[in-house]
PDB file of N, CA and C in Angstrom:
ATOM      1  N   MET A   1       0.874  -1.721  14.771  1.00  0.00           N
ATOM      2  CA  MET A   1       1.015  -1.480  16.320  1.00  0.00           C
ATOM      3  C   MET A   1       0.481  -2.477  17.156  1.00  0.00           C
ATOM      4  N   LYS A   2       1.543  -3.053  17.936  1.00  0.00           N
ATOM      5  CA  LYS A   2       1.400  -4.218  18.603  1.00  0.00           C
ATOM      6  C   LYS A   2       0.467  -3.837  20.044  1.00  0.00           C
ATOM      7  N   LYS A   3       0.118  -4.963  20.626  1.00  0.00           N
ATOM      8  CA  LYS A   3      -0.466  -4.619  21.882  1.00  0.00           C
ATOM      9  C   LYS A   3       0.060  -3.982  22.840  1.00  0.00           C
ATOM     10  N   ARG A   4       1.524  -4.159  22.961  1.00  0.00           N
ATOM     11  CA  ARG A   4       2.043  -3.427  24.092  1.00  0.00           C
ATOM     12  C   ARG A   4       2.270  -1.910  23.643  1.00  0.00           C
ATOM     13  N   GLU A   5       2.357  -1.799  22.434  1.00  0.00           N
ATOM     14  CA  GLU A   5       2.483  -0.338  22.110  1.00  0.00           C
ATOM     15  C   GLU A   5       1.187   0.493  22.306  1.00  0.00           C
ATOM     16  N   PHE A   6       0.178  -0.199  22.106  1.00  0.00           N
ATOM     17  CA  PHE A   6      -1.194   0.101  22.390  1.00  0.00           C
ATOM     18  C   PHE A   6      -1.416   0.576  23.778  1.00  0.00           C
ATOM     19  N   GLN A   7      -1.002  -0.232  24.527  1.00  0.00           N
ATOM     20  CA  GLN A   7      -0.989   0.078  26.079  1.00  0.00           C
ATOM     21  C   GLN A   7      -0.095   1.290  26.528  1.00  0.00           C
ATOM     22  N   GLN A   8       1.099   1.410  25.586  1.00  0.00           N
ATOM     23  CA  GLN A   8       1.831   2.592  25.985  1.00  0.00           C
ATOM     24  C   GLN A   8       1.077   3.876  25.602  1.00  0.00           C
ATOM     25  N   LEU A   9       0.396   3.839  24.570  1.00  0.00           N
ATOM     26  CA  LEU A   9      -0.408   5.002  24.064  1.00  0.00           C
ATOM     27  C   LEU A   9      -1.225   5.309  25.074  1.00  0.00           C
ATOM     28  N   LYS A  10      -1.880   4.402  25.687  1.00  0.00           N
ATOM     29  CA  LYS A  10      -2.916   4.797  26.667  1.00  0.00           C
ATOM     30  C   LYS A  10      -2.530   5.592  27.769  1.00  0.00           C
ATOM     31  N   SER A  11      -1.037   5.514  28.127  1.00  0.00           N
ATOM     32  CA  SER A  11      -0.552   6.085  29.362  1.00  0.00           C
ATOM     33  C   SER A  11       0.086   7.501  28.888  1.00  0.00           C
ATOM     34  N   LYS A  12       0.093   7.855  27.603  1.00  0.00           N
ATOM     35  CA  LYS A  12       0.502   9.106  27.148  1.00  0.00           C
ATOM     36  C   LYS A  12      -0.351  10.325  27.420  1.00  0.00           C
ATOM     37  N   PRO A  13       0.306  11.489  27.562  1.00  0.00           N
ATOM     38  CA  PRO A  13      -0.715  12.642  27.859  1.00  0.00           C
ATOM     39  C   PRO A  13      -1.218  13.066  26.490  1.00  0.00           C
ATOM     40  N   LYS A  14      -2.298  13.706  26.665  1.00  0.00           N
ATOM     41  CA  LYS A  14      -3.335  14.174  25.664  1.00  0.00           C
ATOM     42  C   LYS A  14      -2.548  14.776  24.559  1.00  0.00           C
ATOM     43  N   ALA A  15      -1.791  15.836  25.039  1.00  0.00           N
ATOM     44  CA  ALA A  15      -0.987  16.717  24.027  1.00  0.00           C
ATOM     45  C   ALA A  15      -0.117  15.839  23.189  1.00  0.00           C
ATOM     46  N   GLU A  16       0.442  14.953  23.720  1.00  0.00           N
ATOM     47  CA  GLU A  16       1.447  14.085  22.806  1.00  0.00           C
ATOM     48  C   GLU A  16       0.765  13.269  21.914  1.00  0.00           C
ATOM     49  N   LEU A  17      -0.536  12.703  22.299  1.00  0.00           N
ATOM     50  CA  LEU A  17      -1.361  11.931  21.365  1.00  0.00           C
ATOM     51  C   LEU A  17      -1.871  12.751  20.093  1.00  0.00           C
ATOM     52  N   LEU A  18      -2.084  14.123  20.542  1.00  0.00           N
ATOM     53  CA  LEU A  18      -2.503  14.997  19.476  1.00  0.00           C
ATOM     54  C   LEU A  18      -1.444  15.368  18.529  1.00  0.00           C
ATOM     55  N   SER A  19      -0.379  15.505  19.045  1.00  0.00           N
ATOM     56  CA  SER A  19       0.668  15.690  17.940  1.00  0.00           C
ATOM     57  C   SER A  19       1.100  14.369  17.197  1.00  0.00           C
ATOM     58  N   GLN A  20       1.074  13.143  17.750  1.00  0.00           N
ATOM     59  CA  GLN A  20       1.110  12.019  17.013  1.00  0.00           C
ATOM     60  C   GLN A  20       0.017  11.833  16.017  1.00  0.00           C
ATOM     61  N   LEU A  21      -1.059  12.258  16.275  1.00  0.00           N
ATOM     62  CA  LEU A  21      -2.290  12.148  15.313  1.00  0.00           C
ATOM     63  C   LEU A  21      -2.167  12.999  14.178  1.00  0.00           C
ATOM     64  N   THR A  22      -1.563  14.200  14.402  1.00  0.00           N
ATOM     65  CA  THR A  22      -1.297  15.010  13.325  1.00  0.00           C
ATOM     66  C   THR A  22      -0.325  14.566  12.476  1.00  0.00           C
ATOM     67  N   ALA A  23       0.633  13.926  13.037  1.00  0.00           N
ATOM     68  CA  ALA A  23       1.652  13.454  12.170  1.00  0.00           C
ATOM     69  C   ALA A  23       1.242  12.447  11.310  1.00  0.00           C
ATOM     70  N   LEU A  24       0.550  11.623  12.078  1.00  0.00           N
ATOM     71  CA  LEU A  24       0.023  10.178  11.217  1.00  0.00           C
ATOM     72  C   LEU A  24      -0.966  10.827   9.911  1.00  0.00           C
ATOM     73  N   ARG A  25      -1.745  11.876  10.379  1.00  0.00           N
ATOM     74  CA  ARG A  25      -2.551  12.072   9.253  1.00  0.00           C
ATOM     75  C   ARG A  25      -2.045  12.895   8.186  1.00  0.00           C
ATOM     76  N   GLU A  26      -0.876  13.689   8.498  1.00  0.00           N
ATOM     77  CA  GLU A  26      -0.176  14.249   7.442  1.00  0.00           C
ATOM     78  C   GLU A  26       0.712  12.911   6.456  1.00  0.00           C
ATOM     79  N   LYS A  27       1.227  11.948   7.289  1.00  0.00           N
ATOM     80  CA  LYS A  27       1.799  10.862   6.521  1.00  0.00           C
ATOM     81  C   LYS A  27       0.756   9.926   5.855  1.00  0.00           C
ATOM     82  N   SER A  28      -0.477  10.033   6.253  1.00  0.00           N
ATOM     83  CA  SER A  28      -1.527   9.234   5.446  1.00  0.00           C
ATOM     84  C   SER A  28      -1.748  10.223   4.341  1.00  0.00           C
ATOM     85  N   TRP A  29      -1.805  11.413   4.303  1.00  0.00           N
ATOM     86  CA  TRP A  29      -2.147  12.375   3.098  1.00  0.00           C
ATOM     87  C   TRP A  29      -0.905  12.139   2.087  1.00  0.00           C
ATOM     88  N   GLY A  30       0.137  12.074   2.631  1.00  0.00           N
ATOM     89  CA  GLY A  30       1.293  12.132   1.740  1.00  0.00           C
ATOM     90  C   GLY A  30       1.347  10.633   0.890  1.00  0.00           C
ATOM     91  N   LEU A  31       1.006   9.745   1.699  1.00  0.00           N
ATOM     92  CA  LEU A  31       0.902   8.381   1.103  1.00  0.00           C
ATOM     93  C   LEU A  31      -0.239   8.271   0.078  1.00  0.00           C
ATOM     94  N   LYS A  32      -1.056   8.774   0.369  1.00  0.00           N
ATOM     95  CA  LYS A  32      -2.194   8.816  -0.702  1.00  0.00           C
ATOM     96  C   LYS A  32      -1.939   9.537  -2.013  1.00  0.00           C
ATOM     97  N   LYS A  33      -1.204  10.940  -1.699  1.00  0.00           N
ATOM     98  CA  LYS A  33      -0.659  11.567  -3.047  1.00  0.00           C
ATOM     99  C   LYS A  33       0.363  10.820  -3.702  1.00  0.00           C
ATOM    100  N   ASP A  34       1.186  10.195  -2.906  1.00  0.00           N
ATOM    101  CA  ASP A  34       2.276   9.366  -3.781  1.00  0.00           C
ATOM    102  C   ASP A  34       1.582   8.212  -4.416  1.00  0.00           C
ATOM    103  N   LEU A  35       0.486   7.688  -3.741  1.00  0.00           N
ATOM    104  CA  LEU A  35      -0.026   6.415  -4.499  1.00  0.00           C
ATOM    105  C   LEU A  35      -0.715   6.779  -5.838  1.00  0.00           C
ATOM    106  N   VAL A  36      -1.053   8.127  -5.864  1.00  0.00           N
ATOM    107  CA  VAL A  36      -1.774   8.481  -7.209  1.00  0.00           C
ATOM    108  C   VAL A  36      -0.699   8.734  -8.227  1.00  0.00           C
ATOM    109  N   ALA A  37       0.542   9.229  -7.733  1.00  0.00           N
ATOM    110  CA  ALA A  37       1.579   9.419  -8.507  1.00  0.00           C
ATOM    111  C   ALA A  37       2.472   8.296  -9.025  1.00  0.00           C
ATOM    112  N   GLY A  38       2.178   7.241  -8.258  1.00  0.00           N
ATOM    113  CA  GLY A  38       2.820   5.853  -8.584  1.00  0.00           C
ATOM    114  C   GLY A  38       4.090   5.800  -7.947  1.00  0.00           C
ATOM    115  N   LYS A  39       4.268   6.456  -6.588  1.00  0.00           N
ATOM    116  CA  LYS A  39       5.833   6.293  -6.163  1.00  0.00           C
ATOM    117  C   LYS A  39       5.498   5.380  -4.962  1.00  0.00           C
ATOM    118  N   VAL A  40       4.238   5.065  -4.417  1.00  0.00           N
ATOM    119  CA  VAL A  40       4.370   4.073  -3.143  1.00  0.00           C
ATOM    120  C   VAL A  40       4.411   2.600  -3.779  1.00  0.00           C
ATOM    121  N   LYS A  41       5.509   2.101  -2.999  1.00  0.00           N
ATOM    122  CA  LYS A  41       5.543   0.551  -3.259  1.00  0.00           C
ATOM    123  C   LYS A  41       4.998  -0.183  -2.188  1.00  0.00           C
ATOM    124  N   ASN A  42       4.884   0.025  -1.109  1.00  0.00           N
ATOM    125  CA  ASN A  42       4.356  -0.654   0.012  1.00  0.00           C
ATOM    126  C   ASN A  42       2.789   0.001   0.332  1.00  0.00           C
ATOM    127  N   VAL A  43       1.822  -0.755  -0.424  1.00  0.00           N
ATOM    128  CA  VAL A  43       0.481   0.003  -0.275  1.00  0.00           C
ATOM    129  C   VAL A  43      -0.209  -0.445   1.162  1.00  0.00           C
ATOM    130  N   ARG A  44       0.438  -1.521   1.839  1.00  0.00           N
ATOM    131  CA  ARG A  44      -0.080  -1.865   3.136  1.00  0.00           C
ATOM    132  C   ARG A  44       0.204  -0.773   4.133  1.00  0.00           C
ATOM    133  N   GLU A  45       1.079   0.021   3.773  1.00  0.00           N
ATOM    134  CA  GLU A  45       1.835   1.035   4.644  1.00  0.00           C
ATOM    135  C   GLU A  45       0.289   2.150   4.968  1.00  0.00           C
ATOM    136  N   ILE A  46      -0.370   2.263   3.881  1.00  0.00           N
ATOM    137  CA  ILE A  46      -1.485   3.206   3.965  1.00  0.00           C
ATOM    138  C   ILE A  46      -2.587   2.867   5.048  1.00  0.00           C
ATOM    139  N   ARG A  47      -2.844   1.217   4.842  1.00  0.00           N
ATOM    140  CA  ARG A  47      -3.761   0.791   5.819  1.00  0.00           C
ATOM    141  C   ARG A  47      -3.379   0.703   7.178  1.00  0.00           C
ATOM    142  N   VAL A  48      -2.144   0.532   7.352  1.00  0.00           N
ATOM    143  CA  VAL A  48      -1.484   0.572   8.925  1.00  0.00           C
ATOM    144  C   VAL A  48      -1.516   1.991   9.508  1.00  0.00           C
ATOM    145  N   THR A  49      -1.194   2.941   8.548  1.00  0.00           N
ATOM    146  CA  THR A  49      -1.309   4.196   9.106  1.00  0.00           C
ATOM    147  C   THR A  49      -2.784   4.650   9.478  1.00  0.00           C
ATOM    148  N   LYS A  50      -3.786   4.205   8.667  1.00  0.00           N
ATOM    149  CA  LYS A  50      -5.130   4.546   9.064  1.00  0.00           C
ATOM    150  C   LYS A  50      -5.601   3.859  10.227  1.00  0.00           C
ATOM    151  N   LYS A  51      -5.107   2.481  10.723  1.00  0.00           N
ATOM    152  CA  LYS A  51      -5.425   1.992  11.879  1.00  0.00           C
ATOM    153  C   LYS A  51      -4.912   2.586  12.965  1.00  0.00           C
ATOM    154  N   ASP A  52      -3.576   3.021  12.772  1.00  0.00           N
ATOM    155  CA  ASP A  52      -2.924   3.640  14.109  1.00  0.00           C
ATOM    156  C   ASP A  52      -3.845   4.995  14.229  1.00  0.00           C
ATOM    157  N   THR A  53      -4.332   5.587  13.325  1.00  0.00           N
ATOM    158  CA  THR A  53      -4.904   7.112  13.496  1.00  0.00           C
ATOM    159  C   THR A  53      -6.136   6.695  14.162  1.00  0.00           C
ATOM    160  N   ALA A  54      -6.844   5.479  13.797  1.00  0.00           N
ATOM    161  CA  ALA A  54      -8.173   5.140  14.534  1.00  0.00           C
ATOM    162  C   ALA A  54      -7.839   4.818  15.962  1.00  0.00           C
ATOM    163  N   LYS A  55      -6.858   4.135  16.352  1.00  0.00           N
ATOM    164  CA  LYS A  55      -6.592   3.809  17.635  1.00  0.00           C
ATOM    165  C   LYS A  55      -6.246   4.876  18.436  1.00  0.00           C
ATOM    166  N   ILE A  56      -5.620   5.655  17.979  1.00  0.00           N
ATOM    167  CA  ILE A  56      -5.302   7.020  18.650  1.00  0.00           C
ATOM    168  C   ILE A  56      -6.618   7.924  19.002  1.00  0.00           C
ATOM    169  N   LEU A  57      -7.576   8.017  18.090  1.00  0.00           N
ATOM    170  CA  LEU A  57      -8.737   8.734  18.214  1.00  0.00           C
ATOM    171  C   LEU A  57      -9.571   7.893  19.074  1.00  0.00           C
ATOM    172  N   THR A  58      -9.588   6.673  19.056  1.00  0.00           N
ATOM    173  CA  THR A  58     -10.427   5.744  20.103  1.00  0.00           C
ATOM    174  C   THR A  58      -9.822   6.286  21.373  1.00  0.00           C
ATOM    175  N   ILE A  59      -8.637   6.097  21.814  1.00  0.00           N
ATOM    176  CA  ILE A  59      -8.160   6.446  22.791  1.00  0.00           C
ATOM    177  C   ILE A  59      -8.452   7.870  23.534  1.00  0.00           C
ATOM    178  N   LEU A  60      -8.353   8.848  22.540  1.00  0.00           N
ATOM    179  CA  LEU A  60      -8.690  10.372  22.928  1.00  0.00           C
ATOM    180  C   LEU A  60     -10.130  10.350  23.091  1.00  0.00           C
ATOM    181  N   ASN A  61     -10.985   9.742  22.422  1.00  0.00           N
ATOM    182  CA  ASN A  61     -12.430   9.624  22.734  1.00  0.00           C
ATOM    183  C   ASN A  61     -12.795   8.927  24.121  1.00  0.00           C
ATOM    184  N   ASN A  62     -12.215   8.115  24.446  1.00  0.00           N
ATOM    185  CA  ASN A  62     -12.236   7.425  25.833  1.00  0.00           C
ATOM    186  C   ASN A  62     -11.740   8.040  26.901  1.00  0.00           C
ATOM    187  N   GLN A  63     -10.783   8.913  26.745  1.00  0.00           N
ATOM    188  CA  GLN A  63     -10.225   9.693  27.861  1.00  0.00           C
ATOM    189  C   GLN A  63     -11.210  10.906  28.154  1.00  0.00           C
ATOM    190  N   HIS A  64     -12.457  11.109  27.808  1.00  0.00           N
ATOM    191  CA  HIS A  64     -13.058  12.230  28.235  1.00  0.00           C
ATOM    192  C   HIS A  64     -13.305  12.409  29.843  1.00  0.00           C
ATOM    193  N   GLU A  65     -13.568  13.480  30.147  1.00  0.00           N
ATOM    194  CA  GLU A  65     -13.680  13.658  31.545  1.00  0.00           C
ATOM    195  C   GLU A  65     -15.200  13.363  31.829  1.00  0.00           C
ATOM    196  N   PRO A  66     -15.229  12.698  33.054  1.00  0.00           N
ATOM    197  CA  PRO A  66     -16.724  12.351  33.574  1.00  0.00           C
ATOM    198  C   PRO A  66     -17.613  13.682  33.821  1.00  0.00           C
ATOM    199  N   ARG A  67     -18.772  13.551  33.473  1.00  0.00           N
ATOM    200  CA  ARG A  67     -19.758  14.716  33.699  1.00  0.00           C
ATOM    201  C   ARG A  67     -20.366  14.686  35.269  1.00  0.00           C
TER     202      ARG A  67
END
């Protein structure tokens, strides 16, 4: 994920971020399962997926409403 893409994520609504987070988690789970089965050729994709998930979680945690 490039810096420009990260800036675009910040402007997205919370519902869209949550749906994207769910999709990334499912992809990560599938990649891990395929890795065990020996089907994954690009192991780096697992790391990239985890980092993208962390970035979305960071955005969601920083968007909390002030008290």
